[in-house]
């Protein structure tokens, strides 16, 4: 089935709107959830692009929750590696030693929780048995939508 120009434009706009919601509202709901839990410092694990846009950094400014990002190229490369060569590649036995070190470096610098700022990271934490305190922005976005609909969440 071929889509006409109108249907294609509609689908493109829906996708762009979904990305906009995820990219703009997700960090805000994550920040608010961390503040509610009393977290004072969080570490961001995300793609190079997400880190470079500064969306999380701007959202967390003056919020009372400090935000750390990997402070070495090697740690950021380890984040990209687990996303692309681990989860996206479907490699169930991917070596996550460097990624574990990146997580531990953020925690050693004072992060109380790790923000899983890429949709591949929650599955990575489960697949590779990464037992670090974390928050999933996609889950926070879903919980926010449920609350906005007038329902209670656990």
N, C-alpha and C. Protein backbone atom coordinates (compact mmCIF):
# COMPACT_ATOMS: atom_id res chain seq x y z
N UNK A 1 0.84 -1.17 0.00
CA UNK A 1 0.00 0.00 0.00
C UNK A 1 0.89 1.24 0.00
N UNK A 2 0.60 2.15 -0.90
CA UNK A 2 1.35 3.40 -0.96
C UNK A 2 0.63 4.49 -0.20
N UNK A 3 1.42 5.32 0.45
CA UNK A 3 0.86 6.46 1.17
C UNK A 3 0.94 7.69 0.28
N UNK A 4 -0.12 8.48 0.34
CA UNK A 4 -0.09 9.75 -0.36
C UNK A 4 0.69 10.77 0.43
N UNK A 5 0.88 11.94 -0.14
CA UNK A 5 1.65 13.00 0.51
C UNK A 5 1.02 13.40 1.84
N UNK A 6 -0.29 13.45 1.91
CA UNK A 6 -0.96 13.87 3.15
C UNK A 6 -0.73 12.85 4.25
N UNK A 7 -0.88 11.55 3.93
CA UNK A 7 -0.67 10.52 4.93
C UNK A 7 0.79 10.48 5.39
N UNK A 8 1.71 10.65 4.44
CA UNK A 8 3.13 10.65 4.80
C UNK A 8 3.47 11.82 5.70
N UNK A 9 2.91 12.98 5.40
CA UNK A 9 3.16 14.16 6.23
C UNK A 9 2.57 13.97 7.62
N UNK A 10 1.40 13.36 7.70
CA UNK A 10 0.76 13.12 8.99
C UNK A 10 1.61 12.18 9.84
N UNK A 11 2.09 11.11 9.24
CA UNK A 11 2.93 10.16 9.97
C UNK A 11 4.21 10.84 10.43
N UNK A 12 4.83 11.62 9.56
CA UNK A 12 6.06 12.33 9.92
C UNK A 12 5.81 13.27 11.09
N UNK A 13 4.69 13.97 11.07
CA UNK A 13 4.38 14.91 12.16
C UNK A 13 4.11 14.18 13.47
N UNK A 14 3.45 13.04 13.39
CA UNK A 14 3.20 12.25 14.60
C UNK A 14 4.52 11.79 15.21
N UNK A 15 5.42 11.30 14.37
CA UNK A 15 6.73 10.84 14.85
C UNK A 15 7.51 12.01 15.45
N UNK A 16 7.51 13.15 14.78
CA UNK A 16 8.21 14.32 15.31
C UNK A 16 7.63 14.76 16.64
N UNK A 17 6.30 14.71 16.77
CA UNK A 17 5.64 15.07 18.02
C UNK A 17 6.04 14.10 19.13
N UNK A 18 6.09 12.81 18.83
CA UNK A 18 6.48 11.81 19.83
C UNK A 18 7.92 12.05 20.28
N UNK A 19 8.81 12.34 19.34
CA UNK A 19 10.20 12.62 19.70
C UNK A 19 10.27 13.87 20.56
N UNK A 20 9.52 14.89 20.19
CA UNK A 20 9.49 16.13 20.96
C UNK A 20 9.05 15.87 22.39
N UNK A 21 8.00 15.10 22.56
CA UNK A 21 7.51 14.76 23.90
C UNK A 21 8.59 14.03 24.68
N UNK A 22 9.20 13.02 24.06
CA UNK A 22 10.22 12.23 24.75
C UNK A 22 11.42 13.10 25.12
N UNK A 23 11.89 13.91 24.18
CA UNK A 23 13.10 14.69 24.40
C UNK A 23 12.90 15.87 25.34
N UNK A 24 11.72 16.46 25.37
CA UNK A 24 11.51 17.65 26.20
C UNK A 24 10.84 17.34 27.53
N UNK A 25 9.85 16.49 27.51
CA UNK A 25 9.10 16.22 28.74
C UNK A 25 9.77 15.14 29.56
N UNK A 26 10.39 14.16 28.91
CA UNK A 26 11.07 13.08 29.64
C UNK A 26 12.10 13.59 30.64
N UNK A 27 13.02 14.48 30.22
CA UNK A 27 14.00 15.00 31.18
C UNK A 27 13.35 15.77 32.33
N UNK A 28 12.29 16.51 32.05
CA UNK A 28 11.61 17.28 33.09
C UNK A 28 10.97 16.36 34.12
N UNK A 29 10.26 15.33 33.65
CA UNK A 29 9.63 14.39 34.58
C UNK A 29 10.67 13.60 35.36
N UNK A 30 11.80 13.30 34.72
CA UNK A 30 12.88 12.59 35.41
C UNK A 30 13.45 13.48 36.51
N UNK A 31 13.72 14.74 36.19
CA UNK A 31 14.23 15.68 37.20
C UNK A 31 13.26 15.77 38.38
N UNK A 32 11.97 15.92 38.08
CA UNK A 32 10.98 16.06 39.14
C UNK A 32 10.90 14.80 40.00
N UNK A 33 10.99 13.63 39.37
CA UNK A 33 10.96 12.36 40.12
C UNK A 33 12.17 12.26 41.04
N UNK A 34 13.33 12.68 40.56
CA UNK A 34 14.53 12.62 41.39
C UNK A 34 14.44 13.60 42.56
N UNK A 35 13.93 14.80 42.30
CA UNK A 35 13.75 15.77 43.38
C UNK A 35 12.80 15.23 44.43
N UNK A 36 11.71 14.61 43.99
CA UNK A 36 10.72 14.04 44.91
C UNK A 36 11.33 12.94 45.77
N UNK A 37 12.29 12.22 45.22
CA UNK A 37 12.97 11.13 45.96
C UNK A 37 14.12 11.65 46.82
N UNK A 38 14.40 12.94 46.75
CA UNK A 38 15.46 13.52 47.56
C UNK A 38 16.86 13.35 47.00
N UNK A 39 16.96 13.00 45.73
CA UNK A 39 18.26 12.83 45.10
C UNK A 39 18.91 14.19 44.90
N UNK A 40 20.17 14.30 45.25
CA UNK A 40 20.92 15.56 45.11
C UNK A 40 21.88 15.56 43.93
N UNK A 41 22.24 14.36 43.43
CA UNK A 41 23.19 14.27 42.33
C UNK A 41 22.90 13.02 41.50
N UNK A 42 22.82 13.21 40.18
CA UNK A 42 22.54 12.10 39.26
C UNK A 42 23.57 12.08 38.16
N UNK A 43 23.82 10.90 37.63
CA UNK A 43 24.74 10.74 36.50
C UNK A 43 23.96 10.41 35.25
N UNK A 44 24.27 11.08 34.16
CA UNK A 44 23.56 10.88 32.90
C UNK A 44 24.33 9.91 32.01
N UNK A 45 23.65 8.85 31.62
CA UNK A 45 24.16 7.92 30.62
C UNK A 45 23.29 8.10 29.38
N UNK A 46 23.89 8.56 28.30
CA UNK A 46 23.12 8.84 27.09
C UNK A 46 24.07 8.86 25.89
N UNK A 47 23.49 8.92 24.71
CA UNK A 47 24.30 9.00 23.50
C UNK A 47 25.07 10.32 23.44
N UNK A 48 26.07 10.35 22.60
CA UNK A 48 26.83 11.58 22.39
C UNK A 48 25.89 12.72 22.03
N UNK A 49 24.95 12.44 21.12
CA UNK A 49 24.03 13.48 20.67
C UNK A 49 23.18 14.05 21.78
N UNK A 50 22.66 13.20 22.63
CA UNK A 50 21.83 13.67 23.74
C UNK A 50 22.66 14.50 24.71
N UNK A 51 23.86 14.03 25.02
CA UNK A 51 24.73 14.79 25.93
C UNK A 51 25.07 16.14 25.30
N UNK A 52 25.40 16.14 24.00
CA UNK A 52 25.81 17.38 23.34
C UNK A 52 24.68 18.39 23.18
N UNK A 53 23.43 17.94 23.09
CA UNK A 53 22.32 18.90 22.97
C UNK A 53 22.16 19.71 24.25
N UNK A 54 22.56 19.12 25.39
CA UNK A 54 22.44 19.82 26.67
C UNK A 54 21.03 19.84 27.23
N UNK A 55 20.11 19.04 26.67
CA UNK A 55 18.72 19.06 27.13
C UNK A 55 18.62 18.69 28.60
N UNK A 56 19.33 17.67 29.02
CA UNK A 56 19.29 17.29 30.43
C UNK A 56 19.98 18.34 31.29
N UNK A 57 21.12 18.84 30.82
CA UNK A 57 21.86 19.83 31.59
C UNK A 57 20.99 21.08 31.83
N UNK A 58 20.32 21.57 30.79
CA UNK A 58 19.46 22.75 30.94
C UNK A 58 18.27 22.45 31.85
N UNK A 59 17.71 21.27 31.74
CA UNK A 59 16.55 20.90 32.55
C UNK A 59 16.93 20.83 34.03
N UNK A 60 18.14 20.39 34.32
CA UNK A 60 18.56 20.21 35.71
C UNK A 60 19.17 21.47 36.33
N UNK A 61 19.49 22.47 35.52
CA UNK A 61 20.08 23.71 36.05
C UNK A 61 19.19 24.30 37.13
N UNK A 62 19.79 24.69 38.22
CA UNK A 62 19.12 25.37 39.32
C UNK A 62 17.93 24.58 39.88
N UNK A 63 17.97 23.25 39.73
CA UNK A 63 16.87 22.41 40.22
C UNK A 63 17.16 21.86 41.60
N UNK A 64 18.42 21.96 42.04
CA UNK A 64 18.80 21.34 43.30
C UNK A 64 19.31 19.92 43.11
N UNK A 65 19.28 19.42 41.87
CA UNK A 65 19.83 18.10 41.56
C UNK A 65 21.01 18.33 40.60
N UNK A 66 22.21 18.06 41.09
CA UNK A 66 23.39 18.20 40.24
C UNK A 66 23.39 17.09 39.20
N UNK A 67 23.87 17.39 38.01
CA UNK A 67 23.90 16.40 36.93
C UNK A 67 25.33 16.21 36.46
N UNK A 68 25.79 14.97 36.52
CA UNK A 68 27.13 14.62 36.04
C UNK A 68 27.00 13.87 34.72
N UNK A 69 27.98 14.08 33.85
CA UNK A 69 28.09 13.29 32.63
C UNK A 69 29.47 12.61 32.67
N UNK A 70 29.67 11.57 31.87
CA UNK A 70 30.99 10.94 31.86
C UNK A 70 32.07 11.98 31.61
N UNK A 71 33.15 11.93 32.40
CA UNK A 71 34.18 12.96 32.30
C UNK A 71 35.39 12.53 31.48
N UNK A 72 35.28 11.39 30.84
CA UNK A 72 36.38 10.97 29.95
C UNK A 72 35.79 10.46 28.64
N UNK A 73 36.57 10.61 27.59
CA UNK A 73 36.13 10.11 26.28
C UNK A 73 35.94 8.60 26.32
N UNK A 74 36.77 7.92 27.10
CA UNK A 74 36.67 6.46 27.19
C UNK A 74 35.35 6.04 27.83
N UNK A 75 34.92 6.75 28.87
CA UNK A 75 33.65 6.41 29.52
C UNK A 75 32.48 6.68 28.59
N UNK A 76 32.49 7.81 27.88
CA UNK A 76 31.40 8.10 26.95
C UNK A 76 31.40 7.09 25.80
N UNK A 77 32.58 6.70 25.35
CA UNK A 77 32.67 5.67 24.30
C UNK A 77 32.09 4.35 24.78
N UNK A 78 32.28 4.03 26.05
CA UNK A 78 31.72 2.80 26.61
C UNK A 78 30.20 2.84 26.61
N UNK A 79 29.62 4.01 26.87
CA UNK A 79 28.16 4.16 26.82
C UNK A 79 27.69 3.90 25.39
N UNK A 80 28.34 4.53 24.43
CA UNK A 80 27.96 4.34 23.02
C UNK A 80 28.13 2.88 22.61
N UNK A 81 29.18 2.25 23.10
CA UNK A 81 29.45 0.86 22.75
C UNK A 81 28.33 -0.07 23.23
N UNK A 82 27.90 0.09 24.47
CA UNK A 82 26.86 -0.82 24.97
C UNK A 82 25.54 -0.58 24.24
N UNK A 83 25.28 0.67 23.86
CA UNK A 83 24.05 0.98 23.13
C UNK A 83 24.08 0.34 21.74
N UNK A 84 25.15 0.63 20.98
CA UNK A 84 25.18 0.22 19.57
C UNK A 84 25.71 -1.19 19.34
N UNK A 85 26.78 -1.56 20.02
CA UNK A 85 27.38 -2.88 19.78
C UNK A 85 26.83 -3.95 20.70
N UNK A 86 26.14 -3.52 21.74
CA UNK A 86 25.49 -4.46 22.65
C UNK A 86 24.03 -4.62 22.31
N UNK A 87 23.20 -3.70 22.80
CA UNK A 87 21.74 -3.83 22.68
C UNK A 87 21.28 -3.77 21.23
N UNK A 88 21.63 -2.72 20.49
CA UNK A 88 21.15 -2.59 19.11
C UNK A 88 21.63 -3.73 18.22
N UNK A 89 22.82 -4.25 18.51
CA UNK A 89 23.36 -5.36 17.72
C UNK A 89 22.78 -6.71 18.16
N UNK A 90 22.05 -6.72 19.27
CA UNK A 90 21.48 -7.97 19.76
C UNK A 90 22.51 -8.92 20.35
N UNK A 91 23.62 -8.37 20.80
CA UNK A 91 24.71 -9.19 21.37
C UNK A 91 24.44 -9.44 22.85
N UNK A 92 23.91 -10.62 23.15
CA UNK A 92 23.54 -10.96 24.52
C UNK A 92 24.75 -11.24 25.41
N UNK A 93 25.91 -11.43 24.81
CA UNK A 93 27.12 -11.71 25.59
C UNK A 93 28.14 -10.58 25.45
N UNK A 94 27.68 -9.41 25.13
CA UNK A 94 28.58 -8.26 24.94
C UNK A 94 29.40 -7.99 26.20
N UNK A 95 30.66 -7.69 26.03
CA UNK A 95 31.54 -7.37 27.15
C UNK A 95 31.23 -5.96 27.63
N UNK A 96 30.70 -5.84 28.84
CA UNK A 96 30.30 -4.54 29.38
C UNK A 96 31.26 -4.04 30.46
N UNK A 97 32.47 -4.56 30.47
CA UNK A 97 33.44 -4.16 31.49
C UNK A 97 33.67 -2.66 31.48
N UNK A 98 33.89 -2.09 30.31
CA UNK A 98 34.14 -0.65 30.21
C UNK A 98 32.90 0.15 30.60
N UNK A 99 31.73 -0.36 30.25
CA UNK A 99 30.49 0.33 30.62
C UNK A 99 30.30 0.30 32.14
N UNK A 100 30.58 -0.83 32.76
CA UNK A 100 30.52 -0.91 34.22
C UNK A 100 31.44 0.13 34.86
N UNK A 101 32.63 0.27 34.29
CA UNK A 101 33.59 1.25 34.82
C UNK A 101 33.03 2.67 34.66
N UNK A 102 32.39 2.96 33.54
CA UNK A 102 31.80 4.29 33.33
C UNK A 102 30.72 4.56 34.38
N UNK A 103 29.88 3.57 34.66
CA UNK A 103 28.85 3.71 35.69
C UNK A 103 29.49 3.94 37.05
N UNK A 104 30.49 3.14 37.37
CA UNK A 104 31.15 3.25 38.67
C UNK A 104 31.88 4.58 38.83
N UNK A 105 32.42 5.11 37.74
CA UNK A 105 33.08 6.42 37.81
C UNK A 105 32.07 7.51 38.15
N UNK A 106 30.89 7.48 37.53
CA UNK A 106 29.86 8.47 37.85
C UNK A 106 29.43 8.35 39.32
N UNK A 107 29.25 7.14 39.78
CA UNK A 107 28.86 6.93 41.18
C UNK A 107 29.96 7.38 42.13
N UNK A 108 31.21 7.11 41.78
CA UNK A 108 32.34 7.53 42.63
C UNK A 108 32.46 9.05 42.70
N UNK A 109 32.01 9.74 41.65
CA UNK A 109 32.06 11.21 41.62
C UNK A 109 30.89 11.83 42.38
N UNK A 110 29.97 11.00 42.87
CA UNK A 110 28.88 11.52 43.69
C UNK A 110 27.49 11.27 43.19
N UNK A 111 27.34 10.67 42.03
CA UNK A 111 25.99 10.37 41.53
C UNK A 111 25.34 9.34 42.45
N UNK A 112 24.12 9.63 42.85
CA UNK A 112 23.36 8.70 43.69
C UNK A 112 22.55 7.74 42.83
N UNK A 113 22.29 8.14 41.60
CA UNK A 113 21.46 7.38 40.68
C UNK A 113 21.94 7.68 39.27
N UNK A 114 21.76 6.72 38.37
CA UNK A 114 22.13 6.88 36.97
C UNK A 114 20.87 7.06 36.14
N UNK A 115 20.85 8.11 35.34
CA UNK A 115 19.73 8.36 34.43
C UNK A 115 19.99 7.58 33.15
N UNK A 116 19.07 6.69 32.80
CA UNK A 116 19.21 5.87 31.60
C UNK A 116 18.62 6.65 30.43
N UNK A 117 19.40 7.62 29.94
CA UNK A 117 18.92 8.61 28.98
C UNK A 117 18.90 8.16 27.54
N UNK A 118 18.78 6.89 27.29
CA UNK A 118 18.64 6.33 25.95
C UNK A 118 17.76 5.10 26.08
N UNK A 119 16.84 4.91 25.15
CA UNK A 119 15.88 3.80 25.28
C UNK A 119 16.54 2.43 25.26
N UNK A 120 17.79 2.33 24.80
CA UNK A 120 18.49 1.03 24.83
C UNK A 120 19.09 0.72 26.19
N UNK A 121 19.19 1.69 27.06
CA UNK A 121 19.87 1.44 28.34
C UNK A 121 19.05 0.65 29.35
N UNK A 122 17.74 0.85 29.49
CA UNK A 122 17.01 -0.03 30.41
C UNK A 122 17.14 -1.52 30.03
N UNK A 123 17.00 -1.87 28.73
CA UNK A 123 17.24 -3.29 28.40
C UNK A 123 18.68 -3.72 28.67
N UNK A 124 19.64 -2.80 28.46
CA UNK A 124 21.04 -3.15 28.73
C UNK A 124 21.23 -3.51 30.19
N UNK A 125 20.61 -2.72 31.08
CA UNK A 125 20.76 -2.99 32.51
C UNK A 125 20.20 -4.36 32.86
N UNK A 126 19.11 -4.74 32.20
CA UNK A 126 18.54 -6.06 32.46
C UNK A 126 19.35 -7.17 31.79
N UNK A 127 19.66 -7.01 30.52
CA UNK A 127 20.39 -8.04 29.77
C UNK A 127 21.75 -8.37 30.38
N UNK A 128 22.47 -7.33 30.80
CA UNK A 128 23.84 -7.50 31.26
C UNK A 128 23.95 -7.47 32.78
N UNK A 129 22.80 -7.57 33.45
CA UNK A 129 22.76 -7.66 34.92
C UNK A 129 23.56 -6.53 35.58
N UNK A 130 23.23 -5.31 35.17
CA UNK A 130 23.89 -4.12 35.72
C UNK A 130 23.06 -3.62 36.89
N UNK A 131 23.56 -3.88 38.07
CA UNK A 131 22.80 -3.61 39.28
C UNK A 131 23.27 -2.29 39.93
N UNK A 132 22.95 -1.20 39.24
CA UNK A 132 23.28 0.13 39.76
C UNK A 132 21.98 0.90 39.95
N UNK A 133 21.92 1.80 40.92
CA UNK A 133 20.71 2.58 41.10
C UNK A 133 20.45 3.41 39.84
N UNK A 134 19.22 3.37 39.33
CA UNK A 134 18.94 4.06 38.08
C UNK A 134 17.51 4.54 38.01
N UNK A 135 17.29 5.44 37.06
CA UNK A 135 15.95 5.93 36.75
C UNK A 135 15.81 5.90 35.23
N UNK A 136 14.64 5.46 34.78
CA UNK A 136 14.35 5.32 33.36
C UNK A 136 13.43 6.46 32.93
N UNK A 137 13.92 7.42 32.15
CA UNK A 137 13.07 8.53 31.71
C UNK A 137 11.83 8.11 30.94
N UNK A 138 11.91 7.01 30.19
CA UNK A 138 10.73 6.54 29.46
C UNK A 138 9.65 6.08 30.43
N UNK A 139 10.06 5.40 31.49
CA UNK A 139 9.10 4.99 32.52
C UNK A 139 8.51 6.21 33.21
N UNK A 140 9.35 7.20 33.51
CA UNK A 140 8.84 8.43 34.14
C UNK A 140 7.86 9.14 33.23
N UNK A 141 8.11 9.11 31.93
CA UNK A 141 7.18 9.71 30.97
C UNK A 141 5.86 8.96 30.96
N UNK A 142 5.91 7.64 30.98
CA UNK A 142 4.68 6.83 31.00
C UNK A 142 3.90 7.07 32.29
N UNK A 143 4.60 7.11 33.42
CA UNK A 143 3.93 7.38 34.69
C UNK A 143 3.29 8.77 34.70
N UNK A 144 3.99 9.74 34.12
CA UNK A 144 3.44 11.09 34.02
C UNK A 144 2.18 11.13 33.18
N UNK A 145 2.15 10.37 32.10
CA UNK A 145 0.96 10.31 31.25
C UNK A 145 -0.21 9.69 32.00
N UNK A 146 0.07 8.66 32.79
CA UNK A 146 -0.98 8.01 33.58
C UNK A 146 -1.54 9.00 34.61
N UNK A 147 -0.66 9.71 35.29
CA UNK A 147 -1.11 10.71 36.27
C UNK A 147 -1.89 11.84 35.60
N UNK A 148 -1.43 12.27 34.41
CA UNK A 148 -2.13 13.34 33.69
C UNK A 148 -3.53 12.90 33.28
N UNK A 149 -3.72 11.60 33.12
CA UNK A 149 -5.05 11.07 32.78
C UNK A 149 -5.94 10.93 34.02
N UNK A 150 -5.39 11.31 35.17
CA UNK A 150 -6.18 11.28 36.40
C UNK A 150 -6.12 9.98 37.16
N UNK A 151 -5.20 9.13 36.79
CA UNK A 151 -5.08 7.84 37.47
C UNK A 151 -3.92 7.88 38.46
N UNK A 152 -3.95 6.97 39.41
CA UNK A 152 -2.88 6.86 40.39
C UNK A 152 -1.81 5.90 39.90
N UNK A 153 -0.58 6.15 40.33
CA UNK A 153 0.52 5.24 40.02
C UNK A 153 1.11 4.74 41.33
N UNK A 154 1.80 3.63 41.23
CA UNK A 154 2.44 3.04 42.42
C UNK A 154 3.87 3.51 42.50
